[in-house]
PDB file of N, CA and C in Angstrom:
ATOM      1  N   MET A   1     102.555  26.521  67.504  1.00  0.00           N
ATOM      2  CA  MET A   1     103.757  26.226  66.725  1.00  0.00           C
ATOM      3  C   MET A   1     104.803  27.284  67.069  1.00  0.00           C
ATOM      4  N   ASN A   2     105.928  26.844  67.520  1.00  0.00           N
ATOM      5  CA  ASN A   2     106.969  27.809  67.886  1.00  0.00           C
ATOM      6  C   ASN A   2     107.937  28.018  66.728  1.00  0.00           C
ATOM      7  N   LEU A   3     108.847  28.941  66.902  1.00  0.00           N
ATOM      8  CA  LEU A   3     109.800  29.316  65.852  1.00  0.00           C
ATOM      9  C   LEU A   3     110.663  28.134  65.436  1.00  0.00           C
ATOM     10  N   ASN A   4     111.061  27.309  66.400  1.00  0.00           N
ATOM     11  CA  ASN A   4     111.935  26.173  66.111  1.00  0.00           C
ATOM     12  C   ASN A   4     111.240  25.166  65.191  1.00  0.00           C
ATOM     13  N   SER A   5     109.977  24.881  65.437  1.00  0.00           N
ATOM     14  CA  SER A   5     109.270  23.918  64.598  1.00  0.00           C
ATOM     15  C   SER A   5     109.001  24.500  63.203  1.00  0.00           C
ATOM     16  N   LYS A   6     108.791  25.816  63.098  1.00  0.00           N
ATOM     17  CA  LYS A   6     108.629  26.436  61.781  1.00  0.00           C
ATOM     18  C   LYS A   6     109.919  26.319  60.983  1.00  0.00           C
ATOM     19  N   THR A   7     111.052  26.556  61.659  1.00  0.00           N
ATOM     20  CA  THR A   7     112.354  26.455  60.992  1.00  0.00           C
ATOM     21  C   THR A   7     112.605  25.027  60.524  1.00  0.00           C
ATOM     22  N   GLU A   8     112.251  24.056  61.380  1.00  0.00           N
ATOM     23  CA  GLU A   8     112.436  22.652  61.000  1.00  0.00           C
ATOM     24  C   GLU A   8     111.552  22.298  59.805  1.00  0.00           C
ATOM     25  N   GLY A   9     110.330  22.825  59.794  1.00  0.00           N
ATOM     26  CA  GLY A   9     109.433  22.566  58.668  1.00  0.00           C
ATOM     27  C   GLY A   9     109.973  23.131  57.376  1.00  0.00           C
ATOM     28  N   ARG A  10     110.506  24.350  57.446  1.00  0.00           N
ATOM     29  CA  ARG A  10     111.109  24.951  56.250  1.00  0.00           C
ATOM     30  C   ARG A  10     112.324  24.150  55.807  1.00  0.00           C
ATOM     31  N   ASN A  11     113.107  23.714  56.782  1.00  0.00           N
ATOM     32  CA  ASN A  11     114.295  22.914  56.478  1.00  0.00           C
ATOM     33  C   ASN A  11     113.891  21.623  55.769  1.00  0.00           C
ATOM     34  N   ASP A  12     112.840  20.965  56.299  1.00  0.00           N
ATOM     35  CA  ASP A  12     112.379  19.723  55.678  1.00  0.00           C
ATOM     36  C   ASP A  12     111.911  19.967  54.242  1.00  0.00           C
ATOM     37  N   MET A  13     111.193  21.054  54.017  1.00  0.00           N
ATOM     38  CA  MET A  13     110.730  21.377  52.665  1.00  0.00           C
ATOM     39  C   MET A  13     111.913  21.642  51.741  1.00  0.00           C
ATOM     40  N   ASN A  14     112.900  22.382  52.250  1.00  0.00           N
ATOM     41  CA  ASN A  14     114.087  22.646  51.434  1.00  0.00           C
ATOM     42  C   ASN A  14     114.784  21.350  51.066  1.00  0.00           C
ATOM     43  N   LEU A  15     114.885  20.430  52.010  1.00  0.00           N
ATOM     44  CA  LEU A  15     115.527  19.145  51.732  1.00  0.00           C
ATOM     45  C   LEU A  15     114.734  18.353  50.695  1.00  0.00           C
ATOM     46  N   MET A  16     113.400  18.428  50.778  1.00  0.00           N
ATOM     47  CA  MET A  16     112.573  17.729  49.791  1.00  0.00           C
ATOM     48  C   MET A  16     112.780  18.318  48.395  1.00  0.00           C
ATOM     49  N   TYR A  17     112.817  19.646  48.307  1.00  0.00           N
ATOM     50  CA  TYR A  17     113.029  20.282  47.000  1.00  0.00           C
ATOM     51  C   TYR A  17     114.416  19.973  46.455  1.00  0.00           C
ATOM     52  N   GLU A  18     115.421  19.966  47.338  1.00  0.00           N
ATOM     53  CA  GLU A  18     116.771  19.615  46.887  1.00  0.00           C
ATOM     54  C   GLU A  18     116.816  18.183  46.381  1.00  0.00           C
ATOM     55  N   SER A  19     116.154  17.285  47.084  1.00  0.00           N
ATOM     56  CA  SER A  19     116.123  15.891  46.671  1.00  0.00           C
ATOM     57  C   SER A  19     115.422  15.746  45.320  1.00  0.00           C
ATOM     58  N   LEU A  20     114.313  16.445  45.149  1.00  0.00           N
ATOM     59  CA  LEU A  20     113.594  16.417  43.868  1.00  0.00           C
ATOM     60  C   LEU A  20     114.460  16.971  42.750  1.00  0.00           C
ATOM     61  N   ALA A  21     115.140  18.071  43.013  1.00  0.00           N
ATOM     62  CA  ALA A  21     116.010  18.675  42.000  1.00  0.00           C
ATOM     63  C   ALA A  21     117.134  17.716  41.620  1.00  0.00           C
ATOM     64  N   ARG A  22     117.714  17.026  42.606  1.00  0.00           N
ATOM     65  CA  ARG A  22     118.782  16.053  42.318  1.00  0.00           C
ATOM     66  C   ARG A  22     118.253  14.911  41.464  1.00  0.00           C
ATOM     67  N   ALA A  23     117.061  14.423  41.791  1.00  0.00           N
ATOM     68  CA  ALA A  23     116.471  13.319  41.024  1.00  0.00           C
ATOM     69  C   ALA A  23     116.207  13.740  39.586  1.00  0.00           C
ATOM     70  N   GLN A  24     115.676  14.951  39.403  1.00  0.00           N
ATOM     71  CA  GLN A  24     115.405  15.436  38.048  1.00  0.00           C
ATOM     72  C   GLN A  24     116.702  15.634  37.267  1.00  0.00           C
ATOM     73  N   MET A  25     117.729  16.142  37.926  1.00  0.00           N
ATOM     74  CA  MET A  25     119.008  16.347  37.254  1.00  0.00           C
ATOM     75  C   MET A  25     119.606  15.005  36.820  1.00  0.00           C
ATOM     76  N   THR A  26     119.522  14.013  37.705  1.00  0.00           N
ATOM     77  CA  THR A  26     120.042  12.686  37.365  1.00  0.00           C
ATOM     78  C   THR A  26     119.292  12.107  36.170  1.00  0.00           C
ATOM     79  N   GLU A  27     117.965  12.284  36.163  1.00  0.00           N
ATOM     80  CA  GLU A  27     117.166  11.791  35.042  1.00  0.00           C
ATOM     81  C   GLU A  27     117.549  12.490  33.738  1.00  0.00           C
ATOM     82  N   ARG A  28     117.724  13.789  33.799  1.00  0.00           N
ATOM     83  CA  ARG A  28     118.096  14.532  32.587  1.00  0.00           C
ATOM     84  C   ARG A  28     119.480  14.147  32.099  1.00  0.00           C
ATOM     85  N   LEU A  29     120.404  13.912  33.027  1.00  0.00           N
ATOM     86  CA  LEU A  29     121.740  13.470  32.614  1.00  0.00           C
ATOM     87  C   LEU A  29     121.664  12.116  31.916  1.00  0.00           C
ATOM     88  N   GLY A  30     120.841  11.222  32.451  1.00  0.00           N
ATOM     89  CA  GLY A  30     120.661   9.916  31.813  1.00  0.00           C
ATOM     90  C   GLY A  30     120.085  10.046  30.418  1.00  0.00           C
ATOM     91  N   GLU A  31     119.092  10.919  30.259  1.00  0.00           N
ATOM     92  CA  GLU A  31     118.500  11.133  28.938  1.00  0.00           C
ATOM     93  C   GLU A  31     119.531  11.701  27.963  1.00  0.00           C
ATOM     94  N   ALA A  32     120.346  12.629  28.438  1.00  0.00           N
ATOM     95  CA  ALA A  32     121.376  13.225  27.578  1.00  0.00           C
ATOM     96  C   ALA A  32     122.388  12.164  27.141  1.00  0.00           C
ATOM     97  N   GLN A  33     122.754  11.274  28.064  1.00  0.00           N
ATOM     98  CA  GLN A  33     123.709  10.218  27.710  1.00  0.00           C
ATOM     99  C   GLN A  33     123.114   9.274  26.675  1.00  0.00           C
ATOM    100  N   GLN A  34     121.816   8.964  26.808  1.00  0.00           N
ATOM    101  CA  GLN A  34     121.172   8.099  25.817  1.00  0.00           C
ATOM    102  C   GLN A  34     121.149   8.764  24.444  1.00  0.00           C
ATOM    103  N   LEU A  35     120.871  10.061  24.420  1.00  0.00           N
ATOM    104  CA  LEU A  35     120.865  10.782  23.143  1.00  0.00           C
ATOM    105  C   LEU A  35     122.246  10.771  22.506  1.00  0.00           C
ATOM    106  N   ARG A  36     123.286  10.972  23.345  1.00  0.00           N
ATOM    107  CA  ARG A  36     124.654  10.946  22.805  1.00  0.00           C
ATOM    108  C   ARG A  36     124.988   9.579  22.249  1.00  0.00           C
ATOM    109  N   ARG A  37     124.613   8.514  22.988  1.00  0.00           N
ATOM    110  CA  ARG A  37     124.895   7.158  22.496  1.00  0.00           C
ATOM    111  C   ARG A  37     124.172   6.909  21.171  1.00  0.00           C
ATOM    112  N   GLY A  38     122.935   7.366  21.074  1.00  0.00           N
ATOM    113  CA  GLY A  38     122.184   7.204  19.825  1.00  0.00           C
ATOM    114  C   GLY A  38     122.847   7.948  18.684  1.00  0.00           C
ATOM    115  N   HIS A  39     123.310   9.153  18.952  1.00  0.00           N
ATOM    116  CA  HIS A  39     123.983   9.949  17.924  1.00  0.00           C
ATOM    117  C   HIS A  39     125.282   9.273  17.504  1.00  0.00           C
ATOM    118  N   GLN A  40     126.052   8.784  18.483  1.00  0.00           N
ATOM    119  CA  GLN A  40     127.311   8.119  18.162  1.00  0.00           C
ATOM    120  C   GLN A  40     127.067   6.866  17.332  1.00  0.00           C
ATOM    121  N   LEU A  41     126.006   6.141  17.639  1.00  0.00           N
ATOM    122  CA  LEU A  41     125.678   4.937  16.876  1.00  0.00           C
ATOM    123  C   LEU A  41     125.309   5.299  15.440  1.00  0.00           C
ATOM    124  N   ALA A  42     124.538   6.357  15.276  1.00  0.00           N
ATOM    125  CA  ALA A  42     124.158   6.794  13.930  1.00  0.00           C
ATOM    126  C   ALA A  42     125.388   7.208  13.129  1.00  0.00           C
ATOM    127  N   VAL A  43     126.308   7.927  13.756  1.00  0.00           N
ATOM    128  CA  VAL A  43     127.540   8.350  13.074  1.00  0.00           C
ATOM    129  C   VAL A  43     128.371   7.126  12.693  1.00  0.00           C
ATOM    130  N   ALA A  44     128.475   6.158  13.602  1.00  0.00           N
ATOM    131  CA  ALA A  44     129.250   4.944  13.313  1.00  0.00           C
ATOM    132  C   ALA A  44     128.645   4.175  12.137  1.00  0.00           C
ATOM    133  N   ARG A  45     127.321   4.086  12.103  1.00  0.00           N
ATOM    134  CA  ARG A  45     126.670   3.388  10.977  1.00  0.00           C
ATOM    135  C   ARG A  45     126.929   4.106   9.665  1.00  0.00           C
ATOM    136  N   ARG A  46     126.842   5.439   9.709  1.00  0.00           N
ATOM    137  CA  ARG A  46     127.081   6.233   8.493  1.00  0.00           C
ATOM    138  C   ARG A  46     128.516   6.018   8.003  1.00  0.00           C
ATOM    139  N   MET A  47     129.477   6.050   8.913  1.00  0.00           N
ATOM    140  CA  MET A  47     130.881   5.866   8.529  1.00  0.00           C
ATOM    141  C   MET A  47     131.111   4.452   7.997  1.00  0.00           C
ATOM    142  N   SER A  48     130.438   3.473   8.577  1.00  0.00           N
ATOM    143  CA  SER A  48     130.566   2.092   8.115  1.00  0.00           C
ATOM    144  C   SER A  48     130.047   1.961   6.686  1.00  0.00           C
ATOM    145  N   ARG A  49     128.896   2.586   6.409  1.00  0.00           N
ATOM    146  CA  ARG A  49     128.353   2.541   5.035  1.00  0.00           C
ATOM    147  C   ARG A  49     129.310   3.208   4.057  1.00  0.00           C
ATOM    148  N   LYS A  50     129.914   4.335   4.464  1.00  0.00           N
ATOM    149  CA  LYS A  50     130.871   5.014   3.583  1.00  0.00           C
ATOM    150  C   LYS A  50     132.083   4.134   3.321  1.00  0.00           C
ATOM    151  N   ALA A  51     132.567   3.449   4.359  1.00  0.00           N
ATOM    152  CA  ALA A  51     133.726   2.565   4.196  1.00  0.00           C
ATOM    153  C   ALA A  51     133.380   1.395   3.279  1.00  0.00           C
ATOM    154  N   GLU A  52     132.181   0.829   3.445  1.00  0.00           N
ATOM    155  CA  GLU A  52     131.756  -0.266   2.566  1.00  0.00           C
ATOM    156  C   GLU A  52     131.659   0.201   1.120  1.00  0.00           C
ATOM    157  N   GLN A  53     131.131   1.408   0.920  1.00  0.00           N
ATOM    158  CA  GLN A  53     131.018   1.956  -0.431  1.00  0.00           C
ATOM    159  C   GLN A  53     132.401   2.197  -1.033  1.00  0.00           C
ATOM    160  N   ALA A  54     133.322   2.710  -0.228  1.00  0.00           N
ATOM    161  CA  ALA A  54     134.685   2.949  -0.719  1.00  0.00           C
ATOM    162  C   ALA A  54     135.362   1.629  -1.095  1.00  0.00           C
ATOM    163  N   ALA A  55     135.153   0.599  -0.287  1.00  0.00           N
ATOM    164  CA  ALA A  55     135.730  -0.712  -0.603  1.00  0.00           C
ATOM    165  C   ALA A  55     135.140  -1.261  -1.896  1.00  0.00           C
ATOM    166  N   GLN A  56     133.845  -1.102  -2.068  1.00  0.00           N
ATOM    167  CA  GLN A  56     133.188  -1.555  -3.299  1.00  0.00           C
ATOM    168  C   GLN A  56     133.736  -0.799  -4.508  1.00  0.00           C
ATOM    169  N   ASN A  57     133.891   0.507  -4.372  1.00  0.00           N
ATOM    170  CA  ASN A  57     134.451   1.305  -5.465  1.00  0.00           C
ATOM    171  C   ASN A  57     135.867   0.874  -5.798  1.00  0.00           C
ATOM    172  N   ALA A  58     136.666   0.553  -4.785  1.00  0.00           N
ATOM    173  CA  ALA A  58     138.040   0.089  -5.019  1.00  0.00           C
ATOM    174  C   ALA A  58     138.028  -1.244  -5.749  1.00  0.00           C
ATOM    175  N   ARG A  59     137.131  -2.162  -5.365  1.00  0.00           N
ATOM    176  CA  ARG A  59     137.047  -3.458  -6.059  1.00  0.00           C
ATOM    177  C   ARG A  59     136.643  -3.269  -7.525  1.00  0.00           C
ATOM    178  N   LEU A  60     135.672  -2.365  -7.759  1.00  0.00           N
ATOM    179  CA  LEU A  60     135.252  -2.108  -9.140  1.00  0.00           C
ATOM    180  C   LEU A  60     136.397  -1.508  -9.960  1.00  0.00           C
ATOM    181  N   ALA A  61     137.107  -0.565  -9.360  1.00  0.00           N
ATOM    182  CA  ALA A  61     138.234   0.059 -10.081  1.00  0.00           C
ATOM    183  C   ALA A  61     139.299  -0.974 -10.411  1.00  0.00           C
ATOM    184  N   LEU A  62     139.573  -1.885  -9.476  1.00  0.00           N
ATOM    185  CA  LEU A  62     140.561  -2.932  -9.724  1.00  0.00           C
ATOM    186  C   LEU A  62     140.082  -3.873 -10.834  1.00  0.00           C
ATOM    187  N   ALA A  63     138.808  -4.226 -10.785  1.00  0.00           N
ATOM    188  CA  ALA A  63     138.264  -5.130 -11.813  1.00  0.00           C
ATOM    189  C   ALA A  63     138.333  -4.487 -13.192  1.00  0.00           C
ATOM    190  N   ARG A  64     138.068  -3.190 -13.269  1.00  0.00           N
ATOM    191  CA  ARG A  64     138.128  -2.495 -14.551  1.00  0.00           C
ATOM    192  C   ARG A  64     139.557  -2.394 -15.077  1.00  0.00           C
ATOM    193  N   ALA A  65     140.503  -2.291 -14.136  1.00  0.00           N
ATOM    194  CA  ALA A  65     141.901  -2.142 -14.544  1.00  0.00           C
ATOM    195  C   ALA A  65     142.477  -3.443 -15.081  1.00  0.00           C
ATOM    196  N   LEU A  66     141.895  -4.559 -14.703  1.00  0.00           N
ATOM    197  CA  LEU A  66     142.434  -5.848 -15.155  1.00  0.00           C
ATOM    198  C   LEU A  66     141.971  -6.244 -16.506  1.00  0.00           C
TER     199      LEU A  66
END
């Protein structure tokens, strides 16, 4: 095995590790985006319930005033 083939072997290994690192990073970014979407959905549901409750309270207040 000469120096050139050792260098090529190291280069190939480096490329494999870089490719693996890119794949893992892409996977983690996808997971983070899913978590954000889940959090945003939970916040939207909470705000919707608050708005429904406020509307109900307004209807009750109007009914009492009449």
